[in-house]
Amino acid sequence: MTQDQITSMVERCIQGAGLATKKILSFEEAVQFTGLSKSYLYKLTSQQRIPHYKPSGKLLYFERDELERWLMQNRVSTTDEIERKAQSYCMKGGRR
C-alpha cells in the first residue's frame, strides 16, 4: 500500500467515526450513512417517504436516529418464526 492509499483509508475511517456521533446529518452524510444513491435519496424525500428536514427551504437534513428507525422498518420474519406462528395459530383452532 502506498502512503496516499493509507492516508485515504485513515481519512475515510475518521469520517465514518464522525457520523456515528453526529445527531443531525447533511444530505451527503445521509447518503454515506444509509448507503443509498443520491438520486434515490432525493426521490424518497420528494415523495415524503423518508423523514427529513428543510429548515432553509433548500438544504436537506436528517436526524440519525430517525434514519436508523426508517432503515429498520418492515422487518422480514425468519422461516422459524413463521412456522412457530403457524403452529400457534393451528393449536388455537384458527382463532386469535
N, C-alpha and C. Protein backbone atom coordinates (compact mmCIF):
# COMPACT_ATOMS: atom_id res chain seq x y z
N MET A 1 0.83 -1.18 0.00
CA MET A 1 0.00 0.00 0.00
C MET A 1 0.88 1.25 0.00
N THR A 2 0.46 2.22 -0.77
CA THR A 2 1.22 3.46 -0.83
C THR A 2 0.80 4.37 0.32
N GLN A 3 1.60 5.38 0.55
CA GLN A 3 1.30 6.35 1.60
C GLN A 3 -0.03 7.06 1.34
N ASP A 4 -0.30 7.39 0.08
CA ASP A 4 -1.57 8.05 -0.27
C ASP A 4 -2.77 7.15 0.01
N GLN A 5 -2.64 5.86 -0.28
CA GLN A 5 -3.73 4.93 -0.02
C GLN A 5 -4.00 4.80 1.47
N ILE A 6 -2.95 4.75 2.26
CA ILE A 6 -3.09 4.65 3.71
C ILE A 6 -3.74 5.91 4.26
N THR A 7 -3.30 7.07 3.77
CA THR A 7 -3.87 8.34 4.21
C THR A 7 -5.35 8.41 3.86
N SER A 8 -5.70 7.98 2.66
CA SER A 8 -7.10 7.99 2.23
C SER A 8 -7.94 7.07 3.10
N MET A 9 -7.41 5.90 3.43
CA MET A 9 -8.13 4.94 4.26
C MET A 9 -8.36 5.50 5.67
N VAL A 10 -7.34 6.13 6.22
CA VAL A 10 -7.47 6.73 7.56
C VAL A 10 -8.51 7.85 7.55
N GLU A 11 -8.51 8.67 6.51
CA GLU A 11 -9.48 9.76 6.41
C GLU A 11 -10.91 9.22 6.33
N ARG A 12 -11.12 8.13 5.58
CA ARG A 12 -12.46 7.53 5.49
C ARG A 12 -12.89 6.98 6.84
N CYS A 13 -11.96 6.38 7.57
CA CYS A 13 -12.29 5.85 8.90
C CYS A 13 -12.68 6.97 9.86
N ILE A 14 -11.96 8.07 9.80
CA ILE A 14 -12.25 9.21 10.67
C ILE A 14 -13.61 9.79 10.32
N GLN A 15 -13.92 9.90 9.02
CA GLN A 15 -15.22 10.40 8.59
C GLN A 15 -16.34 9.49 9.08
N GLY A 16 -16.14 8.19 8.95
CA GLY A 16 -17.15 7.22 9.40
C GLY A 16 -17.38 7.30 10.89
N ALA A 17 -16.32 7.48 11.65
CA ALA A 17 -16.45 7.60 13.11
C ALA A 17 -17.20 8.87 13.47
N GLY A 18 -17.01 9.93 12.71
CA GLY A 18 -17.72 11.18 12.96
C GLY A 18 -19.22 11.04 12.75
N LEU A 19 -19.62 10.24 11.77
CA LEU A 19 -21.05 10.04 11.50
C LEU A 19 -21.75 9.34 12.67
N ALA A 20 -21.03 8.46 13.34
CA ALA A 20 -21.62 7.70 14.44
C ALA A 20 -21.97 8.59 15.62
N THR A 21 -21.30 9.72 15.76
CA THR A 21 -21.55 10.59 16.90
C THR A 21 -22.44 11.78 16.57
N LYS A 22 -22.62 12.08 15.28
CA LYS A 22 -23.45 13.23 14.89
C LYS A 22 -24.92 12.89 15.01
N LYS A 23 -25.69 13.84 15.52
CA LYS A 23 -27.13 13.64 15.64
C LYS A 23 -27.86 14.08 14.37
N ILE A 24 -27.42 15.17 13.77
CA ILE A 24 -28.03 15.70 12.55
C ILE A 24 -27.06 15.50 11.39
N LEU A 25 -27.55 14.94 10.29
CA LEU A 25 -26.71 14.65 9.13
C LEU A 25 -27.13 15.51 7.94
N SER A 26 -26.14 15.96 7.19
CA SER A 26 -26.41 16.65 5.94
C SER A 26 -26.85 15.61 4.90
N PHE A 27 -27.24 16.08 3.74
CA PHE A 27 -27.65 15.16 2.68
C PHE A 27 -26.52 14.20 2.32
N GLU A 28 -25.32 14.73 2.12
CA GLU A 28 -24.17 13.90 1.75
C GLU A 28 -23.86 12.87 2.83
N GLU A 29 -23.95 13.29 4.09
CA GLU A 29 -23.69 12.37 5.19
C GLU A 29 -24.77 11.30 5.27
N ALA A 30 -26.01 11.67 4.97
CA ALA A 30 -27.11 10.69 4.96
C ALA A 30 -26.91 9.66 3.85
N VAL A 31 -26.41 10.10 2.71
CA VAL A 31 -26.10 9.17 1.61
C VAL A 31 -25.06 8.17 2.08
N GLN A 32 -24.02 8.67 2.72
CA GLN A 32 -22.94 7.80 3.21
C GLN A 32 -23.46 6.88 4.32
N PHE A 33 -24.27 7.41 5.22
CA PHE A 33 -24.79 6.64 6.35
C PHE A 33 -25.71 5.51 5.90
N THR A 34 -26.62 5.80 4.97
CA THR A 34 -27.60 4.81 4.53
C THR A 34 -27.09 3.88 3.45
N GLY A 35 -26.13 4.35 2.66
CA GLY A 35 -25.66 3.56 1.54
C GLY A 35 -26.54 3.70 0.31
N LEU A 36 -27.53 4.58 0.37
CA LEU A 36 -28.41 4.82 -0.78
C LEU A 36 -27.74 5.76 -1.77
N SER A 37 -28.14 5.68 -3.02
CA SER A 37 -27.60 6.61 -4.01
C SER A 37 -28.22 7.99 -3.79
N LYS A 38 -27.54 9.02 -4.27
CA LYS A 38 -28.05 10.39 -4.14
C LYS A 38 -29.40 10.54 -4.80
N SER A 39 -29.52 9.99 -6.01
CA SER A 39 -30.78 10.16 -6.74
C SER A 39 -31.94 9.46 -6.03
N TYR A 40 -31.69 8.28 -5.46
CA TYR A 40 -32.76 7.56 -4.77
C TYR A 40 -33.15 8.28 -3.48
N LEU A 41 -32.16 8.82 -2.75
CA LEU A 41 -32.47 9.56 -1.53
C LEU A 41 -33.27 10.82 -1.86
N TYR A 42 -32.91 11.52 -2.93
CA TYR A 42 -33.70 12.68 -3.37
C TYR A 42 -35.13 12.26 -3.71
N LYS A 43 -35.27 11.14 -4.39
CA LYS A 43 -36.60 10.65 -4.76
C LYS A 43 -37.43 10.36 -3.51
N LEU A 44 -36.83 9.72 -2.51
CA LEU A 44 -37.55 9.41 -1.28
C LEU A 44 -37.99 10.68 -0.54
N THR A 45 -37.13 11.70 -0.56
CA THR A 45 -37.50 12.95 0.12
C THR A 45 -38.61 13.67 -0.65
N SER A 46 -38.54 13.67 -1.97
CA SER A 46 -39.56 14.37 -2.76
C SER A 46 -40.92 13.68 -2.64
N GLN A 47 -40.91 12.36 -2.43
CA GLN A 47 -42.15 11.61 -2.25
C GLN A 47 -42.57 11.55 -0.78
N GLN A 48 -41.80 12.20 0.07
CA GLN A 48 -42.04 12.24 1.52
C GLN A 48 -42.14 10.84 2.11
N ARG A 49 -41.26 9.95 1.67
CA ARG A 49 -41.25 8.57 2.15
C ARG A 49 -40.15 8.33 3.18
N ILE A 50 -39.33 9.35 3.45
CA ILE A 50 -38.26 9.24 4.44
C ILE A 50 -38.28 10.52 5.27
N PRO A 51 -38.11 10.41 6.59
CA PRO A 51 -38.14 11.62 7.42
C PRO A 51 -36.95 12.53 7.14
N HIS A 52 -37.23 13.81 6.92
CA HIS A 52 -36.16 14.76 6.63
C HIS A 52 -36.61 16.16 7.02
N TYR A 53 -35.66 17.08 7.00
CA TYR A 53 -35.92 18.47 7.39
C TYR A 53 -35.34 19.41 6.34
N LYS A 54 -36.04 20.52 6.11
CA LYS A 54 -35.59 21.56 5.17
C LYS A 54 -35.73 22.92 5.86
N PRO A 55 -34.85 23.22 6.82
CA PRO A 55 -35.02 24.46 7.59
C PRO A 55 -34.91 25.72 6.74
N SER A 56 -34.08 25.70 5.72
CA SER A 56 -33.93 26.89 4.89
C SER A 56 -34.80 26.82 3.63
N GLY A 57 -35.51 25.71 3.48
CA GLY A 57 -36.34 25.53 2.30
C GLY A 57 -35.57 24.97 1.13
N LYS A 58 -34.26 24.79 1.28
CA LYS A 58 -33.46 24.29 0.18
C LYS A 58 -32.61 23.09 0.60
N LEU A 59 -31.83 23.25 1.64
CA LEU A 59 -30.92 22.19 2.08
C LEU A 59 -31.67 21.12 2.86
N LEU A 60 -31.27 19.86 2.65
CA LEU A 60 -31.90 18.74 3.33
C LEU A 60 -31.04 18.28 4.50
N TYR A 61 -31.70 17.99 5.61
CA TYR A 61 -31.02 17.45 6.78
C TYR A 61 -31.81 16.26 7.30
N PHE A 62 -31.12 15.38 8.00
CA PHE A 62 -31.74 14.16 8.51
C PHE A 62 -31.29 13.94 9.95
N GLU A 63 -32.20 13.41 10.77
CA GLU A 63 -31.84 13.03 12.13
C GLU A 63 -31.38 11.57 12.07
N ARG A 64 -30.21 11.31 12.62
CA ARG A 64 -29.60 9.98 12.52
C ARG A 64 -30.52 8.90 13.11
N ASP A 65 -31.12 9.17 14.28
CA ASP A 65 -32.00 8.19 14.92
C ASP A 65 -33.21 7.87 14.05
N GLU A 66 -33.77 8.89 13.39
CA GLU A 66 -34.91 8.66 12.51
C GLU A 66 -34.51 7.82 11.29
N LEU A 67 -33.31 8.08 10.77
CA LEU A 67 -32.83 7.28 9.64
C LEU A 67 -32.64 5.82 10.05
N GLU A 68 -32.09 5.61 11.25
CA GLU A 68 -31.91 4.24 11.73
C GLU A 68 -33.25 3.52 11.85
N ARG A 69 -34.24 4.19 12.43
CA ARG A 69 -35.58 3.59 12.55
C ARG A 69 -36.18 3.31 11.17
N TRP A 70 -36.00 4.25 10.24
CA TRP A 70 -36.54 4.08 8.90
C TRP A 70 -35.88 2.88 8.21
N LEU A 71 -34.57 2.75 8.38
CA LEU A 71 -33.85 1.64 7.76
C LEU A 71 -34.28 0.29 8.33
N MET A 72 -34.69 0.27 9.59
CA MET A 72 -35.02 -0.98 10.26
C MET A 72 -36.51 -1.33 10.20
N GLN A 73 -37.31 -0.56 9.49
CA GLN A 73 -38.73 -0.87 9.38
C GLN A 73 -38.95 -2.02 8.41
N ASN A 74 -40.12 -2.58 8.46
CA ASN A 74 -40.52 -3.69 7.57
C ASN A 74 -39.62 -4.92 7.72
N ARG A 75 -39.43 -5.32 8.96
CA ARG A 75 -38.62 -6.49 9.25
C ARG A 75 -39.25 -7.73 8.61
N VAL A 76 -38.42 -8.59 8.07
CA VAL A 76 -38.87 -9.83 7.45
C VAL A 76 -38.64 -10.96 8.45
N SER A 77 -39.70 -11.71 8.76
CA SER A 77 -39.60 -12.81 9.71
C SER A 77 -38.82 -13.97 9.12
N THR A 78 -38.13 -14.69 9.99
CA THR A 78 -37.40 -15.88 9.55
C THR A 78 -38.40 -17.01 9.34
N THR A 79 -37.99 -18.06 8.65
CA THR A 79 -38.88 -19.20 8.43
C THR A 79 -39.24 -19.86 9.77
N ASP A 80 -38.31 -19.90 10.72
CA ASP A 80 -38.62 -20.46 12.04
C ASP A 80 -39.72 -19.67 12.74
N GLU A 81 -39.65 -18.35 12.68
CA GLU A 81 -40.67 -17.51 13.30
C GLU A 81 -42.03 -17.72 12.64
N ILE A 82 -42.04 -17.83 11.34
CA ILE A 82 -43.29 -18.05 10.60
C ILE A 82 -43.89 -19.41 10.97
N GLU A 83 -43.03 -20.44 11.06
CA GLU A 83 -43.50 -21.77 11.42
C GLU A 83 -44.08 -21.79 12.83
N ARG A 84 -43.42 -21.10 13.77
CA ARG A 84 -43.93 -21.03 15.14
C ARG A 84 -45.29 -20.34 15.19
N LYS A 85 -45.44 -19.26 14.43
CA LYS A 85 -46.73 -18.55 14.38
C LYS A 85 -47.81 -19.45 13.79
N ALA A 86 -47.46 -20.20 12.74
CA ALA A 86 -48.43 -21.09 12.10
C ALA A 86 -48.85 -22.20 13.07
N GLN A 87 -47.89 -22.78 13.78
CA GLN A 87 -48.21 -23.83 14.76
C GLN A 87 -49.10 -23.28 15.86
N SER A 88 -48.77 -22.10 16.35
CA SER A 88 -49.56 -21.47 17.41
C SER A 88 -50.99 -21.21 16.92
N TYR A 89 -51.12 -20.76 15.70
CA TYR A 89 -52.42 -20.47 15.11
C TYR A 89 -53.25 -21.75 14.99
N CYS A 90 -52.60 -22.82 14.52
CA CYS A 90 -53.31 -24.09 14.34
C CYS A 90 -53.72 -24.69 15.68
N MET A 91 -52.88 -24.55 16.70
CA MET A 91 -53.18 -25.10 18.02
C MET A 91 -54.36 -24.39 18.67
N LYS A 92 -54.57 -23.14 18.33
CA LYS A 92 -55.68 -22.37 18.88
C LYS A 92 -56.96 -22.60 18.07
N GLY A 93 -56.91 -23.45 17.10
CA GLY A 93 -58.10 -23.74 16.30
C GLY A 93 -58.42 -22.65 15.29
N GLY A 94 -57.41 -21.90 14.87
CA GLY A 94 -57.62 -20.87 13.88
C GLY A 94 -58.15 -19.57 14.44
N ARG A 95 -58.22 -19.47 15.76
CA ARG A 95 -58.69 -18.23 16.38
C ARG A 95 -57.52 -17.54 17.06
N ARG A 96 -57.67 -16.25 17.24
CA ARG A 96 -56.61 -15.48 17.92
C ARG A 96 -56.89 -15.37 19.36
